PDB file of N, CA and C in Angstrom:
ATOM      1  N   MET A   1       2.641  17.198  -7.395  1.00  0.00           N
ATOM      2  CA  MET A   1       1.619  16.139  -7.804  1.00  0.00           C
ATOM      3  C   MET A   1       1.800  14.732  -7.198  1.00  0.00           C
ATOM      4  N   THR A   2       2.997  14.544  -7.118  1.00  0.00           N
ATOM      5  CA  THR A   2       3.743  13.239  -6.458  1.00  0.00           C
ATOM      6  C   THR A   2       3.145  13.228  -5.226  1.00  0.00           C
ATOM      7  N   LEU A   3       3.468  14.434  -4.460  1.00  0.00           N
ATOM      8  CA  LEU A   3       3.335  14.465  -2.922  1.00  0.00           C
ATOM      9  C   LEU A   3       1.695  14.458  -2.814  1.00  0.00           C
ATOM     10  N   LEU A   4       0.683  14.892  -3.605  1.00  0.00           N
ATOM     11  CA  LEU A   4      -0.797  14.797  -3.638  1.00  0.00           C
ATOM     12  C   LEU A   4      -1.349  13.342  -3.784  1.00  0.00           C
ATOM     13  N   ILE A   5      -0.669  12.703  -4.671  1.00  0.00           N
ATOM     14  CA  ILE A   5      -1.182  11.301  -4.861  1.00  0.00           C
ATOM     15  C   ILE A   5      -0.580  10.464  -3.516  1.00  0.00           C
ATOM     16  N   GLY A   6       0.341  10.777  -3.226  1.00  0.00           N
ATOM     17  CA  GLY A   6       1.045   9.981  -1.862  1.00  0.00           C
ATOM     18  C   GLY A   6       0.046  10.302  -0.931  1.00  0.00           C
ATOM     19  N   VAL A   7      -0.173  11.503  -0.263  1.00  0.00           N
ATOM     20  CA  VAL A   7      -1.401  12.059   0.586  1.00  0.00           C
ATOM     21  C   VAL A   7      -2.696  11.050   0.192  1.00  0.00           C
ATOM     22  N   GLY A   8      -3.054  11.425  -0.846  1.00  0.00           N
ATOM     23  CA  GLY A   8      -4.326  10.848  -1.011  1.00  0.00           C
ATOM     24  C   GLY A   8      -4.457   9.641  -1.038  1.00  0.00           C
ATOM     25  N   ALA A   9      -2.786   8.077  -1.329  1.00  0.00           N
ATOM     26  CA  ALA A   9      -3.212   7.017  -1.058  1.00  0.00           C
ATOM     27  C   ALA A   9      -2.986   6.803   0.319  1.00  0.00           C
ATOM     28  N   GLY A  10      -2.232   7.524   0.923  1.00  0.00           N
ATOM     29  CA  GLY A  10      -2.446   7.454   2.398  1.00  0.00           C
ATOM     30  C   GLY A  10      -3.768   7.522   3.518  1.00  0.00           C
ATOM     31  N   ALA A  11      -4.165   8.469   3.060  1.00  0.00           N
ATOM     32  CA  ALA A  11      -5.634   8.752   3.406  1.00  0.00           C
ATOM     33  C   ALA A  11      -6.881   7.579   3.171  1.00  0.00           C
ATOM     34  N   ILE A  12      -6.618   6.854   1.657  1.00  0.00           N
ATOM     35  CA  ILE A  12      -7.512   5.965   1.420  1.00  0.00           C
ATOM     36  C   ILE A  12      -6.835   4.762   2.263  1.00  0.00           C
ATOM     37  N   ALA A  13      -5.835   4.479   2.449  1.00  0.00           N
ATOM     38  CA  ALA A  13      -5.419   3.457   3.174  1.00  0.00           C
ATOM     39  C   ALA A  13      -5.735   3.357   4.787  1.00  0.00           C
ATOM     40  N   LEU A  14      -5.683   5.108   5.000  1.00  0.00           N
ATOM     41  CA  LEU A  14      -5.947   5.027   6.530  1.00  0.00           C
ATOM     42  C   LEU A  14      -8.107   4.553   6.397  1.00  0.00           C
ATOM     43  N   TRP A  15      -8.410   5.238   5.332  1.00  0.00           N
ATOM     44  CA  TRP A  15      -9.908   4.649   5.341  1.00  0.00           C
ATOM     45  C   TRP A  15     -10.285   3.620   5.535  1.00  0.00           C
ATOM     46  N   ILE A  16      -9.618   2.640   4.524  1.00  0.00           N
ATOM     47  CA  ILE A  16      -9.787   1.279   4.233  1.00  0.00           C
ATOM     48  C   ILE A  16      -9.715   0.602   5.905  1.00  0.00           C
ATOM     49  N   ASP A  17      -8.311   1.080   6.367  1.00  0.00           N
ATOM     50  CA  ASP A  17      -8.229   0.261   7.997  1.00  0.00           C
ATOM     51  C   ASP A  17      -9.465   0.845   8.795  1.00  0.00           C
ATOM     52  N   VAL A  18      -9.990   1.855   8.887  1.00  0.00           N
ATOM     53  CA  VAL A  18     -11.206   2.039   9.803  1.00  0.00           C
ATOM     54  C   VAL A  18     -11.911   1.552   9.176  1.00  0.00           C
ATOM     55  N   ARG A  19     -12.556   1.946   8.229  1.00  0.00           N
ATOM     56  CA  ARG A  19     -13.995   1.195   7.653  1.00  0.00           C
ATOM     57  C   ARG A  19     -14.218   0.039   7.293  1.00  0.00           C
ATOM     58  N   PHE A  20     -13.115  -1.158   7.650  1.00  0.00           N
ATOM     59  CA  PHE A  20     -12.993  -2.471   7.026  1.00  0.00           C
ATOM     60  C   PHE A  20     -11.844  -3.128   8.170  1.00  0.00           C
ATOM     61  N   PRO A  21     -12.197  -2.856   9.510  1.00  0.00           N
ATOM     62  CA  PRO A  21     -11.036  -3.500  10.458  1.00  0.00           C
ATOM     63  C   PRO A  21     -10.669  -5.192  10.347  1.00  0.00           C
ATOM     64  N   ARG A  22     -12.191  -5.815   9.669  1.00  0.00           N
ATOM     65  CA  ARG A  22     -11.674  -7.180   9.579  1.00  0.00           C
ATOM     66  C   ARG A  22     -10.663  -7.449   8.621  1.00  0.00           C
ATOM     67  N   LEU A  23     -10.476  -6.756   7.787  1.00  0.00           N
ATOM     68  CA  LEU A  23      -9.094  -7.055   6.572  1.00  0.00           C
ATOM     69  C   LEU A  23      -8.071  -7.069   7.216  1.00  0.00           C
ATOM     70  N   ALA A  24      -7.694  -6.398   8.408  1.00  0.00           N
ATOM     71  CA  ALA A  24      -6.284  -6.491   9.050  1.00  0.00           C
ATOM     72  C   ALA A  24      -6.342  -7.651   9.690  1.00  0.00           C
ATOM     73  N   PRO A  25      -4.856  -8.080   9.282  1.00  0.00           N
ATOM     74  CA  PRO A  25      -4.551  -9.462   9.795  1.00  0.00           C
ATOM     75  C   PRO A  25      -4.380  -9.573  11.268  1.00  0.00           C
ATOM     76  N   ASP A  26      -4.595 -10.988  11.834  1.00  0.00           N
ATOM     77  CA  ASP A  26      -4.500 -10.777  13.415  1.00  0.00           C
ATOM     78  C   ASP A  26      -3.150 -11.094  13.945  1.00  0.00           C
ATOM     79  N   GLU A  27      -2.421 -11.695  13.012  1.00  0.00           N
ATOM     80  CA  GLU A  27      -1.252 -12.550  13.461  1.00  0.00           C
ATOM     81  C   GLU A  27      -0.191 -11.748  12.666  1.00  0.00           C
ATOM     82  N   ILE A  28       1.148 -11.797  13.569  1.00  0.00           N
ATOM     83  CA  ILE A  28       2.294 -10.973  12.880  1.00  0.00           C
ATOM     84  C   ILE A  28       2.800 -11.435  11.817  1.00  0.00           C
ATOM     85  N   LEU A  29       2.509 -12.680  11.865  1.00  0.00           N
ATOM     86  CA  LEU A  29       3.188 -13.718  10.510  1.00  0.00           C
ATOM     87  C   LEU A  29       2.272 -13.273   9.085  1.00  0.00           C
ATOM     88  N   LYS A  30       1.095 -13.356   9.419  1.00  0.00           N
ATOM     89  CA  LYS A  30       0.078 -13.008   8.052  1.00  0.00           C
ATOM     90  C   LYS A  30       0.482 -11.065   7.601  1.00  0.00           C
ATOM     91  N   ALA A  31       0.747 -10.683   8.692  1.00  0.00           N
ATOM     92  CA  ALA A  31       1.052  -8.761   8.460  1.00  0.00           C
ATOM     93  C   ALA A  31       2.480  -9.012   7.938  1.00  0.00           C
ATOM     94  N   VAL A  32       3.701  -9.790   8.107  1.00  0.00           N
ATOM     95  CA  VAL A  32       4.571  -9.833   7.515  1.00  0.00           C
ATOM     96  C   VAL A  32       4.562 -10.444   6.216  1.00  0.00           C
ATOM     97  N   LEU A  33       3.625 -11.289   5.762  1.00  0.00           N
ATOM     98  CA  LEU A  33       3.496 -11.766   4.693  1.00  0.00           C
ATOM     99  C   LEU A  33       3.088 -10.677   3.512  1.00  0.00           C
ATOM    100  N   HIS A  34       1.913  -9.966   4.334  1.00  0.00           N
ATOM    101  CA  HIS A  34       1.328  -9.033   3.550  1.00  0.00           C
ATOM    102  C   HIS A  34       2.363  -7.380   3.239  1.00  0.00           C
ATOM    103  N   VAL A  35       3.611  -7.275   4.167  1.00  0.00           N
ATOM    104  CA  VAL A  35       4.527  -6.738   3.809  1.00  0.00           C
ATOM    105  C   VAL A  35       5.122  -7.289   2.631  1.00  0.00           C
ATOM    106  N   ALA A  36       5.286  -8.304   2.591  1.00  0.00           N
ATOM    107  CA  ALA A  36       6.325  -9.198   1.716  1.00  0.00           C
ATOM    108  C   ALA A  36       5.829  -9.287   0.374  1.00  0.00           C
ATOM    109  N   ALA A  37       4.277  -9.164  -0.038  1.00  0.00           N
ATOM    110  CA  ALA A  37       3.577  -8.818  -0.979  1.00  0.00           C
ATOM    111  C   ALA A  37       3.518  -7.632  -1.414  1.00  0.00           C
ATOM    112  N   ALA A  38       3.264  -6.648  -0.560  1.00  0.00           N
ATOM    113  CA  ALA A  38       3.655  -5.246  -0.677  1.00  0.00           C
ATOM    114  C   ALA A  38       5.197  -4.977  -1.829  1.00  0.00           C
ATOM    115  N   LEU A  39       6.056  -5.335  -0.991  1.00  0.00           N
ATOM    116  CA  LEU A  39       7.153  -5.146  -1.579  1.00  0.00           C
ATOM    117  C   LEU A  39       7.380  -5.447  -2.894  1.00  0.00           C
ATOM    118  N   ALA A  40       7.145  -7.184  -3.005  1.00  0.00           N
ATOM    119  CA  ALA A  40       7.297  -7.691  -4.058  1.00  0.00           C
ATOM    120  C   ALA A  40       6.109  -7.242  -5.518  1.00  0.00           C
ATOM    121  N   LEU A  41       4.984  -6.863  -5.043  1.00  0.00           N
ATOM    122  CA  LEU A  41       4.331  -5.821  -6.062  1.00  0.00           C
ATOM    123  C   LEU A  41       5.059  -4.546  -6.474  1.00  0.00           C
ATOM    124  N   GLY A  42       5.530  -3.665  -5.282  1.00  0.00           N
ATOM    125  CA  GLY A  42       6.271  -2.653  -5.674  1.00  0.00           C
ATOM    126  C   GLY A  42       7.356  -3.184  -6.961  1.00  0.00           C
ATOM    127  N   TYR A  43       8.073  -4.006  -6.602  1.00  0.00           N
ATOM    128  CA  TYR A  43       9.226  -4.430  -7.506  1.00  0.00           C
ATOM    129  C   TYR A  43       9.078  -4.834  -8.977  1.00  0.00           C
ATOM    130  N   ALA A  44       7.550  -5.835  -8.727  1.00  0.00           N
ATOM    131  CA  ALA A  44       7.137  -6.356  -9.846  1.00  0.00           C
ATOM    132  C   ALA A  44       6.573  -5.329 -10.908  1.00  0.00           C
ATOM    133  N   ILE A  45       6.139  -4.123 -10.613  1.00  0.00           N
ATOM    134  CA  ILE A  45       5.078  -3.295 -11.348  1.00  0.00           C
ATOM    135  C   ILE A  45       5.856  -1.868 -11.604  1.00  0.00           C
ATOM    136  N   GLY A  46       7.544  -2.067 -11.328  1.00  0.00           N
ATOM    137  CA  GLY A  46       8.421  -1.052 -12.090  1.00  0.00           C
ATOM    138  C   GLY A  46       8.339  -1.174 -13.551  1.00  0.00           C
ATOM    139  N   PRO A  47       9.114  -2.482 -13.770  1.00  0.00           N
ATOM    140  CA  PRO A  47       8.815  -2.182 -15.495  1.00  0.00           C
ATOM    141  C   PRO A  47       7.621  -2.130 -16.043  1.00  0.00           C
ATOM    142  N   ALA A  48       6.560  -2.473 -15.559  1.00  0.00           N
ATOM    143  CA  ALA A  48       5.363  -2.027 -16.673  1.00  0.00           C
ATOM    144  C   ALA A  48       4.999  -0.570 -16.266  1.00  0.00           C
ATOM    145  N   LEU A  49       5.761  -0.267 -15.215  1.00  0.00           N
ATOM    146  CA  LEU A  49       5.395   1.490 -15.158  1.00  0.00           C
ATOM    147  C   LEU A  49       6.424   2.429 -16.140  1.00  0.00           C
ATOM    148  N   GLU A  50       7.288   1.546 -16.186  1.00  0.00           N
ATOM    149  CA  GLU A  50       8.510   1.990 -17.115  1.00  0.00           C
ATOM    150  C   GLU A  50       8.119   2.123 -18.524  1.00  0.00           C
ATOM    151  N   ARG A  51       7.414   0.912 -19.151  1.00  0.00           N
ATOM    152  CA  ARG A  51       6.356   0.973 -20.303  1.00  0.00           C
ATOM    153  C   ARG A  51       5.296   1.889 -20.414  1.00  0.00           C
ATOM    154  N   LEU A  52       4.569   1.838 -19.588  1.00  0.00           N
ATOM    155  CA  LEU A  52       3.204   2.903 -19.664  1.00  0.00           C
ATOM    156  C   LEU A  52       3.951   4.446 -19.471  1.00  0.00           C
ATOM    157  N   PHE A  53       4.889   4.540 -18.815  1.00  0.00           N
ATOM    158  CA  PHE A  53       5.212   6.080 -18.782  1.00  0.00           C
ATOM    159  C   PHE A  53       6.009   6.538 -19.974  1.00  0.00           C
ATOM    160  N   ALA A  54       6.800   5.549 -20.440  1.00  0.00           N
ATOM    161  CA  ALA A  54       7.167   5.931 -21.855  1.00  0.00           C
ATOM    162  C   ALA A  54       6.426   6.125 -22.898  1.00  0.00           C
ATOM    163  N   ALA A  55       5.529   5.874 -23.034  1.00  0.00           N
ATOM    164  CA  ALA A  55       3.818   5.677 -24.248  1.00  0.00           C
ATOM    165  C   ALA A  55       3.675   7.760 -24.064  1.00  0.00           C
ATOM    166  N   ASP A  56       3.573   8.030 -25.583  1.00  0.00           N
ATOM    167  CA  ASP A  56       3.186   9.331 -25.761  1.00  0.00           C
ATOM    168  C   ASP A  56       1.839  10.005 -25.311  1.00  0.00           C
ATOM    169  N   ASP A  57       0.913   8.501 -25.485  1.00  0.00           N
ATOM    170  CA  ASP A  57      -0.436   9.109 -24.905  1.00  0.00           C
ATOM    171  C   ASP A  57      -0.866   9.293 -23.870  1.00  0.00           C
ATOM    172  N   ALA A  58      -1.596  10.451 -23.204  1.00  0.00           N
ATOM    173  CA  ALA A  58      -1.812  10.554 -22.191  1.00  0.00           C
ATOM    174  C   ALA A  58      -2.659   9.924 -21.106  1.00  0.00           C
ATOM    175  N   VAL A  59      -3.562   9.179 -21.870  1.00  0.00           N
ATOM    176  CA  VAL A  59      -4.527   8.165 -21.505  1.00  0.00           C
ATOM    177  C   VAL A  59      -4.274   7.145 -20.880  1.00  0.00           C
ATOM    178  N   VAL A  60      -2.919   6.786 -21.666  1.00  0.00           N
ATOM    179  CA  VAL A  60      -2.128   5.418 -21.388  1.00  0.00           C
ATOM    180  C   VAL A  60      -1.215   5.812 -19.894  1.00  0.00           C
ATOM    181  N   VAL A  61      -0.808   6.727 -19.817  1.00  0.00           N
ATOM    182  CA  VAL A  61      -0.132   7.666 -19.035  1.00  0.00           C
ATOM    183  C   VAL A  61      -1.084   7.399 -17.120  1.00  0.00           C
ATOM    184  N   LEU A  62      -1.919   8.118 -17.588  1.00  0.00           N
ATOM    185  CA  LEU A  62      -3.380   7.911 -16.382  1.00  0.00           C
ATOM    186  C   LEU A  62      -3.950   6.595 -15.969  1.00  0.00           C
ATOM    187  N   VAL A  63      -3.998   5.790 -17.260  1.00  0.00           N
ATOM    188  CA  VAL A  63      -4.077   4.532 -16.665  1.00  0.00           C
ATOM    189  C   VAL A  63      -3.096   3.802 -15.420  1.00  0.00           C
ATOM    190  N   GLY A  64      -1.652   3.990 -16.157  1.00  0.00           N
ATOM    191  CA  GLY A  64      -0.694   3.450 -15.403  1.00  0.00           C
ATOM    192  C   GLY A  64      -0.746   3.919 -14.053  1.00  0.00           C
ATOM    193  N   VAL A  65      -1.056   5.370 -13.972  1.00  0.00           N
ATOM    194  CA  VAL A  65      -0.868   5.875 -12.360  1.00  0.00           C
ATOM    195  C   VAL A  65      -1.844   5.626 -11.859  1.00  0.00           C
ATOM    196  N   PHE A  66      -2.929   6.101 -11.924  1.00  0.00           N
ATOM    197  CA  PHE A  66      -4.259   5.297 -10.920  1.00  0.00           C
ATOM    198  C   PHE A  66      -4.689   4.107 -11.439  1.00  0.00           C
ATOM    199  N   GLY A  67      -4.551   3.240 -12.646  1.00  0.00           N
ATOM    200  CA  GLY A  67      -4.664   2.382 -12.461  1.00  0.00           C
ATOM    201  C   GLY A  67      -3.696   0.994 -11.987  1.00  0.00           C
ATOM    202  N   VAL A  68      -2.505   1.234 -11.744  1.00  0.00           N
ATOM    203  CA  VAL A  68      -1.588   0.016 -11.573  1.00  0.00           C
ATOM    204  C   VAL A  68      -0.731   1.001 -10.085  1.00  0.00           C
ATOM    205  N   ALA A  69      -0.010   2.063 -10.503  1.00  0.00           N
ATOM    206  CA  ALA A  69       0.679   2.709  -9.407  1.00  0.00           C
ATOM    207  C   ALA A  69      -0.053   3.095  -7.943  1.00  0.00           C
ATOM    208  N   PHE A  70      -0.954   3.819  -8.028  1.00  0.00           N
ATOM    209  CA  PHE A  70      -1.878   4.379  -6.892  1.00  0.00           C
ATOM    210  C   PHE A  70      -2.621   3.293  -6.497  1.00  0.00           C
ATOM    211  N   PRO A  71      -3.047   2.083  -6.930  1.00  0.00           N
ATOM    212  CA  PRO A  71      -3.733   1.251  -5.699  1.00  0.00           C
ATOM    213  C   PRO A  71      -2.584   0.040  -5.412  1.00  0.00           C
ATOM    214  N   SER A  72      -1.104   0.323  -5.722  1.00  0.00           N
ATOM    215  CA  SER A  72       0.181  -0.487  -5.105  1.00  0.00           C
ATOM    216  C   SER A  72       0.617   0.656  -3.955  1.00  0.00           C
ATOM    217  N   ILE A  73       0.378   1.683  -3.899  1.00  0.00           N
ATOM    218  CA  ILE A  73       0.742   2.711  -3.237  1.00  0.00           C
ATOM    219  C   ILE A  73      -0.188   2.497  -1.952  1.00  0.00           C
ATOM    220  N   VAL A  74      -1.239   2.467  -2.395  1.00  0.00           N
ATOM    221  CA  VAL A  74      -2.460   2.130  -1.163  1.00  0.00           C
ATOM    222  C   VAL A  74      -2.169   1.417  -0.424  1.00  0.00           C
ATOM    223  N   TYR A  75      -1.942  -0.313  -1.072  1.00  0.00           N
ATOM    224  CA  TYR A  75      -1.567  -1.538  -0.505  1.00  0.00           C
ATOM    225  C   TYR A  75      -0.364  -1.594   0.326  1.00  0.00           C
ATOM    226  N   CYS A  76       0.803  -0.391  -0.020  1.00  0.00           N
ATOM    227  CA  CYS A  76       1.794  -0.390   0.446  1.00  0.00           C
ATOM    228  C   CYS A  76       1.586   0.371   2.236  1.00  0.00           C
ATOM    229  N   PHE A  77       0.888   1.324   1.980  1.00  0.00           N
ATOM    230  CA  PHE A  77       0.493   2.071   3.028  1.00  0.00           C
ATOM    231  C   PHE A  77      -0.599   1.464   3.945  1.00  0.00           C
ATOM    232  N   LEU A  78      -1.400   0.593   3.771  1.00  0.00           N
ATOM    233  CA  LEU A  78      -2.283  -0.212   3.746  1.00  0.00           C
ATOM    234  C   LEU A  78      -1.549  -1.205   4.712  1.00  0.00           C
ATOM    235  N   THR A  79      -0.558  -1.624   4.426  1.00  0.00           N
ATOM    236  CA  THR A  79      -0.006  -2.911   4.826  1.00  0.00           C
ATOM    237  C   THR A  79       1.075  -2.494   5.954  1.00  0.00           C
ATOM    238  N   ALA A  80       1.694  -1.151   5.862  1.00  0.00           N
ATOM    239  CA  ALA A  80       2.202  -0.494   6.966  1.00  0.00           C
ATOM    240  C   ALA A  80       1.495  -0.212   8.221  1.00  0.00           C
ATOM    241  N   ILE A  81       0.080   0.165   7.709  1.00  0.00           N
ATOM    242  CA  ILE A  81      -0.566   0.631   9.283  1.00  0.00           C
ATOM    243  C   ILE A  81      -0.768  -0.722   9.809  1.00  0.00           C
ATOM    244  N   TRP A  82      -1.297  -2.004   8.908  1.00  0.00           N
ATOM    245  CA  TRP A  82      -1.408  -2.576   9.744  1.00  0.00           C
ATOM    246  C   TRP A  82      -0.033  -3.598  10.832  1.00  0.00           C
ATOM    247  N   PHE A  83       0.936  -3.544   9.975  1.00  0.00           N
ATOM    248  CA  PHE A  83       1.903  -3.834  10.735  1.00  0.00           C
ATOM    249  C   PHE A  83       2.407  -3.423  12.002  1.00  0.00           C
ATOM    250  N   ILE A  84       2.284  -1.819  11.746  1.00  0.00           N
ATOM    251  CA  ILE A  84       2.302  -0.863  13.111  1.00  0.00           C
ATOM    252  C   ILE A  84       1.434  -1.254  14.234  1.00  0.00           C
ATOM    253  N   LYS A  85       0.118  -1.295  13.651  1.00  0.00           N
ATOM    254  CA  LYS A  85      -0.743  -1.557  14.514  1.00  0.00           C
ATOM    255  C   LYS A  85      -0.648  -2.979  15.554  1.00  0.00           C
ATOM    256  N   LEU A  86      -0.185  -4.036  14.705  1.00  0.00           N
ATOM    257  CA  LEU A  86       0.190  -5.414  15.350  1.00  0.00           C
ATOM    258  C   LEU A  86       1.589  -5.145  16.281  1.00  0.00           C
ATOM    259  N   ALA A  87       2.215  -4.322  15.665  1.00  0.00           N
ATOM    260  CA  ALA A  87       3.638  -4.222  16.695  1.00  0.00           C
ATOM    261  C   ALA A  87       3.330  -3.214  17.980  1.00  0.00           C
ATOM    262  N   GLN A  88       2.310  -2.401  18.039  1.00  0.00           N
ATOM    263  CA  GLN A  88       2.148  -1.545  18.763  1.00  0.00           C
ATOM    264  C   GLN A  88       1.476  -2.520  19.800  1.00  0.00           C
ATOM    265  N   ARG A  89       0.354  -3.574  19.420  1.00  0.00           N
ATOM    266  CA  ARG A  89      -0.321  -4.402  20.411  1.00  0.00           C
ATOM    267  C   ARG A  89       0.664  -5.136  21.163  1.00  0.00           C
ATOM    268  N   ALA A  90       1.542  -5.872  20.331  1.00  0.00           N
ATOM    269  CA  ALA A  90       2.693  -6.536  20.679  1.00  0.00           C
ATOM    270  C   ALA A  90       3.459  -5.821  21.779  1.00  0.00           C
ATOM    271  N   MET A  91       4.157  -4.887  21.573  1.00  0.00           N
ATOM    272  CA  MET A  91       4.869  -4.291  22.311  1.00  0.00           C
ATOM    273  C   MET A  91       4.086  -3.695  23.815  1.00  0.00           C
ATOM    274  N   GLY A  92       2.671  -3.370  23.829  1.00  0.00           N
ATOM    275  CA  GLY A  92       1.779  -2.844  24.625  1.00  0.00           C
ATOM    276  C   GLY A  92       1.581  -3.890  25.736  1.00  0.00           C
ATOM    277  N   ALA A  93       1.869  -5.230  25.390  1.00  0.00           N
ATOM    278  CA  ALA A  93       1.561  -6.372  26.005  1.00  0.00           C
ATOM    279  C   ALA A  93       2.682  -6.377  27.319  1.00  0.00           C
ATOM    280  N   HIS A  94       4.153  -6.184  26.402  1.00  0.00           N
ATOM    281  CA  HIS A  94       5.249  -6.425  27.222  1.00  0.00           C
ATOM    282  C   HIS A  94       5.461  -5.172  28.125  1.00  0.00           C
ATOM    283  N   LEU A  95       4.944  -3.868  27.895  1.00  0.00           N
ATOM    284  CA  LEU A  95       5.290  -2.809  28.744  1.00  0.00           C
ATOM    285  C   LEU A  95       4.261  -2.703  29.970  1.00  0.00           C
ATOM    286  N   ARG A  96       3.337  -3.675  29.951  1.00  0.00           N
ATOM    287  CA  ARG A  96       2.430  -3.606  30.993  1.00  0.00           C
ATOM    288  C   ARG A  96       3.001  -4.614  32.435  1.00  0.00           C
TER     289      ARG A  96
END
């Protein structure tokens, strides 16, 4: 189940990158800031998810997974895609 959530998050991140190309940063500094924000978000939601997953209510757990964890995973994948694309663009200019 966890693998499928990760694959789904990656697919949605790819879709967002293809569907909305103007969202991608055009400078490496902006991409690094997005990566830092994604890492900070990952660390910040950890304690919140622990509290949500400790609940006995299935609805609370589902809200934690799909309302908190899933969007943050999508954002992490999206920032990775943006950073890789910018790095490829920068390396391509030096390899020519």
